[in-house]
Amino acid sequence: MKATITHKGAIILGKYVACDAFDESKPLRVVTHAHADHTIGLQQSLRACEKILMTKATKDLIDVIKGPLFLMGGYVETLDYSKTLQHGEERITFLPADHILGAAQVLVEDAEGTRIIYTGDFKVDGTHVVDTDVLVIEATYGSPTCRRSFDKDVKDLLVSLVDEGLKKGTVYVFSYHGKLQEIMQLLHERDVNSPFVVPEKVFHVSRACELHGMRLGRLILSEDREAKELIERNAPCVAFYHMNARRKFGQGLFRVYVSGWEFDSPCREIANKEYVVALSDHSDFEGLIEYVRRSKPKLVITDNFRFGHAETLAREIHKRFGFSAVALPRR
C-alpha cells in the first residue's frame, strides 16, 4: 500500500513522507497546519528527520504557539503552495487547504506516476481538489449525522449576535487559534468597530496572521490598562479567548462559543446570554463526500487516529461510489 496511517497518527505517503506525527522510518516530516493534533511528536521529528516541511505561515504560527526556540532543534524548510520538492524519485507538492492560515494538502507523486494526496483538515468550498489515485482524507465530521443544512448565513448571524451583545456591554468570544482570527477578520470587515481585547497568546497569533495578509482590526492586550478599564466597566468591546479559557472569563456576561460541533441550528442559546454559533473550519459530511466525488480516487483512506467518524465515512464512500475505502489505523 502506497499510503497508510500508523497507530501513532503518522500519515505515510509514498516512501519518504510522514505527515502530522512522528515516524522513525521516514526522512521527511510534514506539518500540514499548526493545530496540536497535527504537530504530534514534532520534537522527535526535529531530532530524527532530515527535513521538516511546512508552509511559512504554519512555521510562524508554531513559533508563536510553541515559542521561537521550539523549531531550532532540527532542519525546517518552508514550501510555498504549488512549489515542488524532489526527494529521491518522488515529488512533494503543497496545495491550498481552506482551514486555518497556512494549512496545506500534501501531494506525493512517485516514479510510477501514482498520485497520493493527504487533505489535512479542510473546508471543501475553498480547497483545491485534484484528481488522485490514493486519497487520505480527514474524517472529523464523517458521519451522515454531521450535516449543516442551514438556510441562514452563519457569518451574518454571528455578526448580528455580536452587534446585539455590544449594546449590552462586553462580548466574550471563545474558539480556537486560527478560527479566532477568522472571526476577528469577519467582524472587522463588517465594520464592527469596538476594540478587540485579547490575551497575550491570542495577540501574538493574531500578529502572525496579519503578517500573512489578514486584517483583524484594533487589538488591545488584555493586560493593558485600557483593556482592564473596558472589562471592569463592561464597556462595549469584544474579548477573544481560547475555548479552553471559557470557565475563567466573562461568567454571567454575554458569551459566544464558536464551534463546529453544532448541526441542529446555526445559532442556539444555551443559557441566559450564552450562545453557540455553528461556524466550522472543517467540511461537514457532505463536504467530505463532495471532495471524494471530485477527486475520483482508486483508494480512499480515512483518518481513524484523530477524533471523528472514519469508519462510518469509509463505509459511506464505498456505498456511494464503489471506491475501495478503509479506515486506518484499524482498532
C-alpha atoms as a PDB file:
ATOM      1  CA  MET A   1       0.000   0.000   0.000  1.00  0.00           C
ATOM      2  CA  LYS A   2       1.429   3.392  -1.019  1.00  0.00           C
ATOM      3  CA  ALA A   3      -0.196   5.201   1.889  1.00  0.00           C
ATOM      4  CA  THR A   4      -1.208   4.274   5.417  1.00  0.00           C
ATOM      5  CA  ILE A   5      -1.806   5.736   8.882  1.00  0.00           C
ATOM      6  CA  THR A   6       0.192   4.427  11.837  1.00  0.00           C
ATOM      7  CA  HIS A   7      -1.044   3.789  15.375  1.00  0.00           C
ATOM      8  CA  LYS A   8       0.916   6.901  16.416  1.00  0.00           C
ATOM      9  CA  GLY A   9      -1.057   9.053  13.969  1.00  0.00           C
ATOM     10  CA  ALA A  10       1.541   9.481  11.208  1.00  0.00           C
ATOM     11  CA  ILE A  11       0.070   9.776   7.704  1.00  0.00           C
ATOM     12  CA  ILE A  12       2.536   7.856   5.499  1.00  0.00           C
ATOM     13  CA  LEU A  13       2.670   8.938   1.851  1.00  0.00           C
ATOM     14  CA  GLY A  14       4.952   7.041  -0.526  1.00  0.00           C
ATOM     15  CA  LYS A  15       8.476   6.054   0.534  1.00  0.00           C
ATOM     16  CA  TYR A  16       9.711   9.137   2.316  1.00  0.00           C
ATOM     17  CA  VAL A  17       6.958  11.274   3.840  1.00  0.00           C
ATOM     18  CA  ALA A  18       5.261  11.141   7.239  1.00  0.00           C
ATOM     19  CA  CYS A  19       2.662  13.834   7.920  1.00  0.00           C
ATOM     20  CA  ASP A  20       1.325  15.209  11.206  1.00  0.00           C
ATOM     21  CA  ALA A  21       3.017  12.751  13.595  1.00  0.00           C
ATOM     22  CA  PHE A  22       6.468  11.233  14.089  1.00  0.00           C
ATOM     23  CA  ASP A  23       7.553   8.120  12.230  1.00  0.00           C
ATOM     24  CA  GLU A  24      11.102   6.906  12.761  1.00  0.00           C
ATOM     25  CA  SER A  25      11.322   5.252   9.315  1.00  0.00           C
ATOM     26  CA  LYS A  26      10.679   8.360   7.174  1.00  0.00           C
ATOM     27  CA  PRO A  27      13.285  11.044   6.430  1.00  0.00           C
ATOM     28  CA  LEU A  28      10.716  13.785   5.757  1.00  0.00           C
ATOM     29  CA  ARG A  29       8.126  15.081   8.212  1.00  0.00           C
ATOM     30  CA  VAL A  30       5.338  17.349   7.007  1.00  0.00           C
ATOM     31  CA  VAL A  31       3.246  19.558   9.300  1.00  0.00           C
ATOM     32  CA  THR A  32       0.030  20.385   7.435  1.00  0.00           C
ATOM     33  CA  HIS A  33      -1.007  23.111   9.900  1.00  0.00           C
ATOM     34  CA  ALA A  34      -0.357  24.408  13.391  1.00  0.00           C
ATOM     35  CA  HIS A  35      -3.134  22.703  15.397  1.00  0.00           C
ATOM     36  CA  ALA A  36      -1.936  20.418  18.193  1.00  0.00           C
ATOM     37  CA  ASP A  37      -3.320  17.147  16.781  1.00  0.00           C
ATOM     38  CA  HIS A  38      -1.169  17.724  13.673  1.00  0.00           C
ATOM     39  CA  THR A  39       2.090  18.572  15.467  1.00  0.00           C
ATOM     40  CA  ILE A  40       2.280  15.269  17.383  1.00  0.00           C
ATOM     41  CA  GLY A  41       5.860  14.152  18.070  1.00  0.00           C
ATOM     42  CA  LEU A  42       7.337  17.199  16.373  1.00  0.00           C
ATOM     43  CA  GLN A  43      10.270  17.377  18.796  1.00  0.00           C
ATOM     44  CA  GLN A  44      11.158  13.757  17.920  1.00  0.00           C
ATOM     45  CA  SER A  45      10.896  14.582  14.224  1.00  0.00           C
ATOM     46  CA  LEU A  46      13.166  17.602  14.635  1.00  0.00           C
ATOM     47  CA  ARG A  47      15.835  15.358  16.163  1.00  0.00           C
ATOM     48  CA  ALA A  48      15.470  12.398  13.791  1.00  0.00           C
ATOM     49  CA  CYS A  49      14.302  13.594  10.353  1.00  0.00           C
ATOM     50  CA  GLU A  50      16.362  15.039   7.519  1.00  0.00           C
ATOM     51  CA  LYS A  51      13.808  17.784   6.938  1.00  0.00           C
ATOM     52  CA  ILE A  52      10.630  19.166   8.449  1.00  0.00           C
ATOM     53  CA  LEU A  53       8.391  20.677   5.778  1.00  0.00           C
ATOM     54  CA  MET A  54       5.606  23.232   6.346  1.00  0.00           C
ATOM     55  CA  THR A  55       4.323  26.483   4.883  1.00  0.00           C
ATOM     56  CA  LYS A  56       5.861  29.745   6.039  1.00  0.00           C
ATOM     57  CA  ALA A  57       2.594  30.728   7.740  1.00  0.00           C
ATOM     58  CA  THR A  58       2.496  27.436   9.660  1.00  0.00           C
ATOM     59  CA  LYS A  59       6.079  27.976  10.803  1.00  0.00           C
ATOM     60  CA  ASP A  60       5.247  31.486  12.002  1.00  0.00           C
ATOM     61  CA  LEU A  61       2.223  30.212  13.932  1.00  0.00           C
ATOM     62  CA  ILE A  62       4.224  27.396  15.567  1.00  0.00           C
ATOM     63  CA  ASP A  63       6.922  29.913  16.543  1.00  0.00           C
ATOM     64  CA  VAL A  64       4.212  31.871  18.367  1.00  0.00           C
ATOM     65  CA  ILE A  65       2.268  28.954  19.861  1.00  0.00           C
ATOM     66  CA  LYS A  66       5.271  26.821  20.892  1.00  0.00           C
ATOM     67  CA  GLY A  67       7.880  29.543  21.329  1.00  0.00           C
ATOM     68  CA  PRO A  68      10.638  30.801  18.995  1.00  0.00           C
ATOM     69  CA  LEU A  69      13.151  28.147  20.082  1.00  0.00           C
ATOM     70  CA  PHE A  70      10.854  25.160  19.511  1.00  0.00           C
ATOM     71  CA  LEU A  71      11.789  24.579  15.862  1.00  0.00           C
ATOM     72  CA  MET A  72      15.503  25.275  16.362  1.00  0.00           C
ATOM     73  CA  GLY A  73      16.303  21.630  17.124  1.00  0.00           C
ATOM     74  CA  GLY A  74      16.144  20.445  13.508  1.00  0.00           C
ATOM     75  CA  TYR A  75      16.157  21.473   9.870  1.00  0.00           C
ATOM     76  CA  VAL A  76      12.900  23.183   8.910  1.00  0.00           C
ATOM     77  CA  GLU A  77      12.205  24.050   5.265  1.00  0.00           C
ATOM     78  CA  THR A  78       9.190  26.092   4.226  1.00  0.00           C
ATOM     79  CA  LEU A  79       7.437  25.224   0.979  1.00  0.00           C
ATOM     80  CA  ASP A  80       5.063  27.533  -0.876  1.00  0.00           C
ATOM     81  CA  TYR A  81       1.793  26.300  -2.353  1.00  0.00           C
ATOM     82  CA  SER A  82       2.215  24.702  -5.809  1.00  0.00           C
ATOM     83  CA  LYS A  83       6.012  24.521  -5.412  1.00  0.00           C
ATOM     84  CA  THR A  84       7.503  21.039  -5.708  1.00  0.00           C
ATOM     85  CA  LEU A  85      10.294  19.419  -3.713  1.00  0.00           C
ATOM     86  CA  GLN A  86      12.095  16.436  -5.255  1.00  0.00           C
ATOM     87  CA  HIS A  87      13.269  13.744  -2.848  1.00  0.00           C
ATOM     88  CA  GLY A  88      14.725  10.653  -4.451  1.00  0.00           C
ATOM     89  CA  GLU A  89      12.336   9.589  -7.179  1.00  0.00           C
ATOM     90  CA  GLU A  90       9.292  11.238  -5.549  1.00  0.00           C
ATOM     91  CA  ARG A  91       7.880  14.756  -5.834  1.00  0.00           C
ATOM     92  CA  ILE A  92       6.183  16.521  -2.903  1.00  0.00           C
ATOM     93  CA  THR A  93       3.853  19.474  -3.532  1.00  0.00           C
ATOM     94  CA  PHE A  94       1.750  21.544  -1.127  1.00  0.00           C
ATOM     95  CA  LEU A  95      -1.712  22.614  -2.252  1.00  0.00           C
ATOM     96  CA  PRO A  96      -4.050  25.095  -0.523  1.00  0.00           C
ATOM     97  CA  ALA A  97      -6.470  23.812   2.125  1.00  0.00           C
ATOM     98  CA  ASP A  98      -9.184  26.089   3.474  1.00  0.00           C
ATOM     99  CA  HIS A  99      -8.779  25.580   7.221  1.00  0.00           C
ATOM    100  CA  ILE A 100      -6.600  27.876   9.331  1.00  0.00           C
ATOM    101  CA  LEU A 101      -3.884  30.161   7.982  1.00  0.00           C
ATOM    102  CA  GLY A 102      -1.072  28.134   6.396  1.00  0.00           C
ATOM    103  CA  ALA A 103      -2.965  24.842   6.115  1.00  0.00           C
ATOM    104  CA  ALA A 104      -1.825  22.637   3.240  1.00  0.00           C
ATOM    105  CA  GLN A 105      -2.740  19.457   1.451  1.00  0.00           C
ATOM    106  CA  VAL A 106       0.201  17.204   0.585  1.00  0.00           C
ATOM    107  CA  LEU A 107       0.563  15.636  -2.866  1.00  0.00           C
ATOM    108  CA  VAL A 108       3.188  12.932  -3.415  1.00  0.00           C
ATOM    109  CA  GLU A 109       3.873  11.664  -6.941  1.00  0.00           C
ATOM    110  CA  ASP A 110       6.065   8.573  -7.248  1.00  0.00           C
ATOM    111  CA  ALA A 111       8.236   7.210 -10.048  1.00  0.00           C
ATOM    112  CA  GLU A 112       5.336   5.143 -11.402  1.00  0.00           C
ATOM    113  CA  GLY A 113       3.145   8.232 -11.735  1.00  0.00           C
ATOM    114  CA  THR A 114       0.898   7.352  -8.788  1.00  0.00           C
ATOM    115  CA  ARG A 115      -0.649  10.449  -7.211  1.00  0.00           C
ATOM    116  CA  ILE A 116      -1.163  10.240  -3.444  1.00  0.00           C
ATOM    117  CA  ILE A 117      -2.796  13.117  -1.589  1.00  0.00           C
ATOM    118  CA  TYR A 118      -3.487  13.833   2.059  1.00  0.00           C
ATOM    119  CA  THR A 119      -6.065  16.548   2.629  1.00  0.00           C
ATOM    120  CA  GLY A 120      -5.200  17.527   6.175  1.00  0.00           C
ATOM    121  CA  ASP A 121      -8.133  19.426   7.676  1.00  0.00           C
ATOM    122  CA  PHE A 122     -10.179  21.459   5.201  1.00  0.00           C
ATOM    123  CA  LYS A 123     -13.431  23.107   4.135  1.00  0.00           C
ATOM    124  CA  VAL A 124     -14.252  21.944   0.634  1.00  0.00           C
ATOM    125  CA  ASP A 125     -15.551  25.245  -0.775  1.00  0.00           C
ATOM    126  CA  GLY A 126     -12.181  26.984  -0.565  1.00  0.00           C
ATOM    127  CA  THR A 127      -9.951  23.953  -1.102  1.00  0.00           C
ATOM    128  CA  HIS A 128      -8.226  22.961  -4.346  1.00  0.00           C
ATOM    129  CA  VAL A 129      -9.442  19.439  -5.237  1.00  0.00           C
ATOM    130  CA  VAL A 130      -7.221  17.402  -7.562  1.00  0.00           C
ATOM    131  CA  ASP A 131      -7.609  14.067  -9.297  1.00  0.00           C
ATOM    132  CA  THR A 132      -5.729  11.410  -7.365  1.00  0.00           C
ATOM    133  CA  ASP A 133      -5.083   7.687  -7.205  1.00  0.00           C
ATOM    134  CA  VAL A 134      -4.833   7.351  -3.423  1.00  0.00           C
ATOM    135  CA  LEU A 135      -6.714   9.805  -1.197  1.00  0.00           C
ATOM    136  CA  VAL A 136      -6.079  10.116   2.541  1.00  0.00           C
ATOM    137  CA  ILE A 137      -8.850  12.271   3.979  1.00  0.00           C
ATOM    138  CA  GLU A 138      -9.744  13.709   7.359  1.00  0.00           C
ATOM    139  CA  ALA A 139     -12.927  12.336   8.931  1.00  0.00           C
ATOM    140  CA  THR A 140     -13.812  14.801  11.704  1.00  0.00           C
ATOM    141  CA  TYR A 141     -17.427  15.134  10.556  1.00  0.00           C
ATOM    142  CA  GLY A 142     -17.542  11.862   8.635  1.00  0.00           C
ATOM    143  CA  SER A 143     -20.981  10.736   9.799  1.00  0.00           C
ATOM    144  CA  PRO A 144     -24.232  11.483   7.921  1.00  0.00           C
ATOM    145  CA  THR A 145     -25.475  12.979  11.208  1.00  0.00           C
ATOM    146  CA  CYS A 146     -22.878  15.759  10.796  1.00  0.00           C
ATOM    147  CA  ARG A 147     -24.648  17.875   8.210  1.00  0.00           C
ATOM    148  CA  ARG A 148     -25.113  21.655   8.316  1.00  0.00           C
ATOM    149  CA  SER A 149     -28.128  22.263   6.124  1.00  0.00           C
ATOM    150  CA  PHE A 150     -28.863  25.757   7.423  1.00  0.00           C
ATOM    151  CA  ASP A 151     -30.766  28.174   5.230  1.00  0.00           C
ATOM    152  CA  LYS A 152     -29.312  31.186   7.051  1.00  0.00           C
ATOM    153  CA  ASP A 153     -25.782  32.537   6.595  1.00  0.00           C
ATOM    154  CA  VAL A 154     -23.897  31.677   9.793  1.00  0.00           C
ATOM    155  CA  LYS A 155     -21.436  34.543   9.359  1.00  0.00           C
ATOM    156  CA  ASP A 156     -24.275  37.057   9.125  1.00  0.00           C
ATOM    157  CA  LEU A 157     -25.827  35.574  12.265  1.00  0.00           C
ATOM    158  CA  LEU A 158     -22.536  35.785  14.150  1.00  0.00           C
ATOM    159  CA  VAL A 159     -22.043  39.449  13.230  1.00  0.00           C
ATOM    160  CA  SER A 160     -25.635  40.267  14.213  1.00  0.00           C
ATOM    161  CA  LEU A 161     -25.254  38.429  17.510  1.00  0.00           C
ATOM    162  CA  VAL A 162     -22.051  40.296  18.402  1.00  0.00           C
ATOM    163  CA  ASP A 163     -23.672  43.618  17.436  1.00  0.00           C
ATOM    164  CA  GLU A 164     -26.617  42.821  19.707  1.00  0.00           C
ATOM    165  CA  GLY A 165     -24.307  41.883  22.569  1.00  0.00           C
ATOM    166  CA  LEU A 166     -22.286  45.084  22.244  1.00  0.00           C
ATOM    167  CA  LYS A 167     -25.442  47.060  23.013  1.00  0.00           C
ATOM    168  CA  LYS A 168     -25.314  45.455  26.472  1.00  0.00           C
ATOM    169  CA  GLY A 169     -21.548  45.762  27.021  1.00  0.00           C
ATOM    170  CA  THR A 170     -18.589  43.421  26.555  1.00  0.00           C
ATOM    171  CA  VAL A 171     -19.000  40.379  24.304  1.00  0.00           C
ATOM    172  CA  TYR A 172     -16.802  37.349  25.053  1.00  0.00           C
ATOM    173  CA  VAL A 173     -15.995  35.124  22.063  1.00  0.00           C
ATOM    174  CA  PHE A 174     -14.455  31.691  22.640  1.00  0.00           C
ATOM    175  CA  SER A 175     -12.947  29.497  19.933  1.00  0.00           C
ATOM    176  CA  TYR A 176      -9.576  28.081  18.793  1.00  0.00           C
ATOM    177  CA  HIS A 177      -6.394  29.570  17.361  1.00  0.00           C
ATOM    178  CA  GLY A 178      -6.958  30.262  13.695  1.00  0.00           C
ATOM    179  CA  LYS A 179     -10.718  30.400  13.974  1.00  0.00           C
ATOM    180  CA  LEU A 180     -10.497  33.262  16.488  1.00  0.00           C
ATOM    181  CA  GLN A 181      -8.574  35.260  13.899  1.00  0.00           C
ATOM    182  CA  GLU A 182     -11.101  34.325  11.202  1.00  0.00           C
ATOM    183  CA  ILE A 183     -13.825  35.769  13.437  1.00  0.00           C
ATOM    184  CA  MET A 184     -11.820  38.940  14.075  1.00  0.00           C
ATOM    185  CA  GLN A 185     -11.356  39.426  10.348  1.00  0.00           C
ATOM    186  CA  LEU A 186     -15.056  38.857   9.703  1.00  0.00           C
ATOM    187  CA  LEU A 187     -16.106  41.402  12.347  1.00  0.00           C
ATOM    188  CA  HIS A 188     -13.535  43.918  11.110  1.00  0.00           C
ATOM    189  CA  GLU A 189     -14.740  43.522   7.508  1.00  0.00           C
ATOM    190  CA  ARG A 190     -18.336  44.042   8.656  1.00  0.00           C
ATOM    191  CA  ASP A 191     -17.420  47.321  10.389  1.00  0.00           C
ATOM    192  CA  VAL A 192     -17.692  46.165  13.986  1.00  0.00           C
ATOM    193  CA  ASN A 193     -15.539  48.995  15.292  1.00  0.00           C
ATOM    194  CA  SER A 194     -15.450  48.241  19.015  1.00  0.00           C
ATOM    195  CA  PRO A 195     -11.982  47.440  20.414  1.00  0.00           C
ATOM    196  CA  PHE A 196     -10.855  43.800  20.377  1.00  0.00           C
ATOM    197  CA  VAL A 197      -9.355  42.674  23.705  1.00  0.00           C
ATOM    198  CA  VAL A 198      -7.038  39.647  23.557  1.00  0.00           C
ATOM    199  CA  PRO A 199      -4.694  37.786  25.931  1.00  0.00           C
ATOM    200  CA  GLU A 200      -1.014  37.603  25.045  1.00  0.00           C
ATOM    201  CA  LYS A 201      -1.014  34.269  23.158  1.00  0.00           C
ATOM    202  CA  VAL A 202      -4.029  35.238  21.038  1.00  0.00           C
ATOM    203  CA  PHE A 203      -2.384  38.635  20.411  1.00  0.00           C
ATOM    204  CA  HIS A 204       0.812  37.090  19.038  1.00  0.00           C
ATOM    205  CA  VAL A 205      -1.067  34.513  16.928  1.00  0.00           C
ATOM    206  CA  SER A 206      -3.096  37.415  15.521  1.00  0.00           C
ATOM    207  CA  ARG A 207       0.015  39.414  14.680  1.00  0.00           C
ATOM    208  CA  ALA A 208       1.428  36.389  12.820  1.00  0.00           C
ATOM    209  CA  CYS A 209      -1.818  36.164  10.850  1.00  0.00           C
ATOM    210  CA  GLU A 210      -1.585  39.859   9.979  1.00  0.00           C
ATOM    211  CA  LEU A 211       1.933  39.322   8.613  1.00  0.00           C
ATOM    212  CA  HIS A 212       0.332  36.948   6.096  1.00  0.00           C
ATOM    213  CA  GLY A 213      -2.332  39.367   4.954  1.00  0.00           C
ATOM    214  CA  MET A 214      -5.216  39.013   7.406  1.00  0.00           C
ATOM    215  CA  ARG A 215      -6.827  42.262   8.587  1.00  0.00           C
ATOM    216  CA  LEU A 216      -8.078  41.943  12.128  1.00  0.00           C
ATOM    217  CA  GLY A 217      -8.866  45.412  13.425  1.00  0.00           C
ATOM    218  CA  ARG A 218      -7.628  47.147  16.549  1.00  0.00           C
ATOM    219  CA  LEU A 219      -6.244  44.725  19.144  1.00  0.00           C
ATOM    220  CA  ILE A 220      -5.580  45.607  22.789  1.00  0.00           C
ATOM    221  CA  LEU A 221      -3.691  43.287  25.124  1.00  0.00           C
ATOM    222  CA  SER A 222      -5.919  42.191  27.980  1.00  0.00           C
ATOM    223  CA  GLU A 223      -3.213  43.211  30.497  1.00  0.00           C
ATOM    224  CA  ASP A 224      -3.070  46.807  29.239  1.00  0.00           C
ATOM    225  CA  ARG A 225      -4.726  49.444  31.391  1.00  0.00           C
ATOM    226  CA  GLU A 226      -7.162  50.427  28.658  1.00  0.00           C
ATOM    227  CA  ALA A 227      -8.360  46.835  28.286  1.00  0.00           C
ATOM    228  CA  LYS A 228      -8.731  46.353  32.026  1.00  0.00           C
ATOM    229  CA  GLU A 229     -10.816  49.515  32.274  1.00  0.00           C
ATOM    230  CA  LEU A 230     -13.070  48.384  29.410  1.00  0.00           C
ATOM    231  CA  ILE A 231     -13.611  44.977  31.011  1.00  0.00           C
ATOM    232  CA  GLU A 232     -14.160  46.394  34.509  1.00  0.00           C
ATOM    233  CA  ARG A 233     -16.824  48.792  33.191  1.00  0.00           C
ATOM    234  CA  ASN A 234     -18.401  46.097  30.998  1.00  0.00           C
ATOM    235  CA  ALA A 235     -17.913  48.590  28.172  1.00  0.00           C
ATOM    236  CA  PRO A 236     -18.646  47.699  24.541  1.00  0.00           C
ATOM    237  CA  CYS A 237     -15.679  45.659  23.300  1.00  0.00           C
ATOM    238  CA  VAL A 238     -15.121  42.117  22.038  1.00  0.00           C
ATOM    239  CA  ALA A 239     -12.883  39.902  24.200  1.00  0.00           C
ATOM    240  CA  PHE A 240     -11.425  36.898  22.357  1.00  0.00           C
ATOM    241  CA  TYR A 241     -10.275  33.851  24.313  1.00  0.00           C
ATOM    242  CA  HIS A 242      -9.242  30.300  23.535  1.00  0.00           C
ATOM    243  CA  MET A 243     -12.037  27.808  24.119  1.00  0.00           C
ATOM    244  CA  ASN A 244     -10.057  26.238  26.972  1.00  0.00           C
ATOM    245  CA  ALA A 245     -10.428  29.513  28.914  1.00  0.00           C
ATOM    246  CA  ARG A 246     -14.225  29.596  28.796  1.00  0.00           C
ATOM    247  CA  ARG A 247     -14.629  28.785  32.501  1.00  0.00           C
ATOM    248  CA  LYS A 248     -12.337  31.639  33.543  1.00  0.00           C
ATOM    249  CA  PHE A 249     -13.710  34.713  31.797  1.00  0.00           C
ATOM    250  CA  GLY A 250     -16.981  36.525  31.322  1.00  0.00           C
ATOM    251  CA  GLN A 251     -19.123  34.479  33.694  1.00  0.00           C
ATOM    252  CA  GLY A 252     -22.649  35.869  33.710  1.00  0.00           C
ATOM    253  CA  LEU A 253     -21.947  38.220  30.796  1.00  0.00           C
ATOM    254  CA  PHE A 254     -22.647  37.989  27.058  1.00  0.00           C
ATOM    255  CA  ARG A 255     -20.714  34.949  25.798  1.00  0.00           C
ATOM    256  CA  VAL A 256     -20.472  33.337  22.344  1.00  0.00           C
ATOM    257  CA  TYR A 257     -18.919  29.919  21.706  1.00  0.00           C
ATOM    258  CA  VAL A 258     -17.979  29.363  18.056  1.00  0.00           C
ATOM    259  CA  SER A 259     -17.894  25.624  17.393  1.00  0.00           C
ATOM    260  CA  GLY A 260     -18.134  23.188  14.511  1.00  0.00           C
ATOM    261  CA  TRP A 261     -19.918  20.621  16.677  1.00  0.00           C
ATOM    262  CA  GLU A 262     -23.317  22.177  16.159  1.00  0.00           C
ATOM    263  CA  PHE A 263     -25.604  20.769  13.478  1.00  0.00           C
ATOM    264  CA  ASP A 264     -29.190  21.428  14.602  1.00  0.00           C
ATOM    265  CA  SER A 265     -29.163  25.205  14.453  1.00  0.00           C
ATOM    266  CA  PRO A 266     -26.829  27.925  13.144  1.00  0.00           C
ATOM    267  CA  CYS A 267     -27.191  29.789  16.447  1.00  0.00           C
ATOM    268  CA  ARG A 268     -28.510  28.358  19.685  1.00  0.00           C
ATOM    269  CA  GLU A 269     -28.994  29.978  23.093  1.00  0.00           C
ATOM    270  CA  ILE A 270     -27.762  27.515  25.720  1.00  0.00           C
ATOM    271  CA  ALA A 271     -28.204  29.737  28.791  1.00  0.00           C
ATOM    272  CA  ASN A 272     -29.029  33.334  29.614  1.00  0.00           C
ATOM    273  CA  LYS A 273     -26.773  35.459  27.359  1.00  0.00           C
ATOM    274  CA  GLU A 274     -24.771  32.373  26.267  1.00  0.00           C
ATOM    275  CA  TYR A 275     -24.836  31.210  22.649  1.00  0.00           C
ATOM    276  CA  VAL A 276     -23.286  28.561  20.421  1.00  0.00           C
ATOM    277  CA  VAL A 277     -22.679  29.555  16.792  1.00  0.00           C
ATOM    278  CA  ALA A 278     -22.084  26.794  14.234  1.00  0.00           C
ATOM    279  CA  LEU A 279     -19.105  28.203  12.329  1.00  0.00           C
ATOM    280  CA  SER A 280     -16.636  25.464  11.432  1.00  0.00           C
ATOM    281  CA  ASP A 281     -13.227  25.298   9.757  1.00  0.00           C
ATOM    282  CA  HIS A 282     -13.863  21.666   8.729  1.00  0.00           C
ATOM    283  CA  SER A 283     -16.057  20.236   5.981  1.00  0.00           C
ATOM    284  CA  ASP A 284     -19.247  18.634   7.176  1.00  0.00           C
ATOM    285  CA  PHE A 285     -20.228  15.152   5.957  1.00  0.00           C
ATOM    286  CA  GLU A 286     -21.469  16.386   2.588  1.00  0.00           C
ATOM    287  CA  GLY A 287     -18.275  18.384   2.070  1.00  0.00           C
ATOM    288  CA  LEU A 288     -16.127  15.305   2.690  1.00  0.00           C
ATOM    289  CA  ILE A 289     -18.239  13.272   0.276  1.00  0.00           C
ATOM    290  CA  GLU A 290     -18.008  16.045  -2.320  1.00  0.00           C
ATOM    291  CA  TYR A 291     -14.202  16.067  -2.116  1.00  0.00           C
ATOM    292  CA  VAL A 292     -14.117  12.309  -2.734  1.00  0.00           C
ATOM    293  CA  ARG A 293     -16.543  12.600  -5.655  1.00  0.00           C
ATOM    294  CA  ARG A 294     -14.463  15.274  -7.371  1.00  0.00           C
ATOM    295  CA  SER A 295     -11.042  13.682  -6.766  1.00  0.00           C
ATOM    296  CA  LYS A 296     -12.096  10.277  -8.214  1.00  0.00           C
ATOM    297  CA  PRO A 297      -9.571   8.133  -6.311  1.00  0.00           C
ATOM    298  CA  LYS A 298      -8.962   4.419  -6.722  1.00  0.00           C
ATOM    299  CA  LEU A 299      -8.429   4.028  -2.961  1.00  0.00           C
ATOM    300  CA  VAL A 300      -9.593   6.163  -0.027  1.00  0.00           C
ATOM    301  CA  ILE A 301      -8.066   6.011   3.462  1.00  0.00           C
ATOM    302  CA  THR A 302      -9.982   7.815   6.202  1.00  0.00           C
ATOM    303  CA  ASP A 303      -8.085   9.123   9.235  1.00  0.00           C
ATOM    304  CA  ASN A 304      -9.059   6.876  12.135  1.00  0.00           C
ATOM    305  CA  PHE A 305      -6.417   8.248  14.519  1.00  0.00           C
ATOM    306  CA  ARG A 306      -7.742  11.761  15.074  1.00  0.00           C
ATOM    307  CA  PHE A 307     -11.167  12.325  16.548  1.00  0.00           C
ATOM    308  CA  GLY A 308     -14.005  11.814  14.092  1.00  0.00           C
ATOM    309  CA  HIS A 309     -16.066   9.226  12.205  1.00  0.00           C
ATOM    310  CA  ALA A 310     -13.510   7.480   9.988  1.00  0.00           C
ATOM    311  CA  GLU A 311     -15.110   4.031   9.878  1.00  0.00           C
ATOM    312  CA  THR A 312     -18.539   5.445   9.079  1.00  0.00           C
ATOM    313  CA  LEU A 313     -17.078   7.678   6.374  1.00  0.00           C
ATOM    314  CA  ALA A 314     -15.234   4.765   4.740  1.00  0.00           C
ATOM    315  CA  ARG A 315     -18.443   2.713   4.603  1.00  0.00           C
ATOM    316  CA  GLU A 316     -20.405   5.628   3.137  1.00  0.00           C
ATOM    317  CA  ILE A 317     -17.758   6.265   0.464  1.00  0.00           C
ATOM    318  CA  HIS A 318     -17.789   2.634  -0.648  1.00  0.00           C
ATOM    319  CA  LYS A 319     -21.593   2.524  -0.631  1.00  0.00           C
ATOM    320  CA  ARG A 320     -21.987   5.717  -2.677  1.00  0.00           C
ATOM    321  CA  PHE A 321     -19.150   5.394  -5.187  1.00  0.00           C
ATOM    322  CA  GLY A 322     -17.920   1.800  -5.098  1.00  0.00           C
ATOM    323  CA  PHE A 323     -14.370   3.014  -4.359  1.00  0.00           C
ATOM    324  CA  SER A 324     -12.148   0.905  -2.135  1.00  0.00           C
ATOM    325  CA  ALA A 325     -12.221   2.678   1.227  1.00  0.00           C
ATOM    326  CA  VAL A 326     -10.664   1.780   4.574  1.00  0.00           C
ATOM    327  CA  ALA A 327     -10.346   3.492   7.966  1.00  0.00           C
ATOM    328  CA  LEU A 328      -6.788   3.391   9.317  1.00  0.00           C
ATOM    329  CA  PRO A 329      -5.306   2.629  11.715  1.00  0.00           C
ATOM    330  CA  ARG A 330      -7.539  -0.334  12.452  1.00  0.00           C
ATOM    331  CA  ARG A 331      -8.843  -0.518  16.007  1.00  0.00           C
END
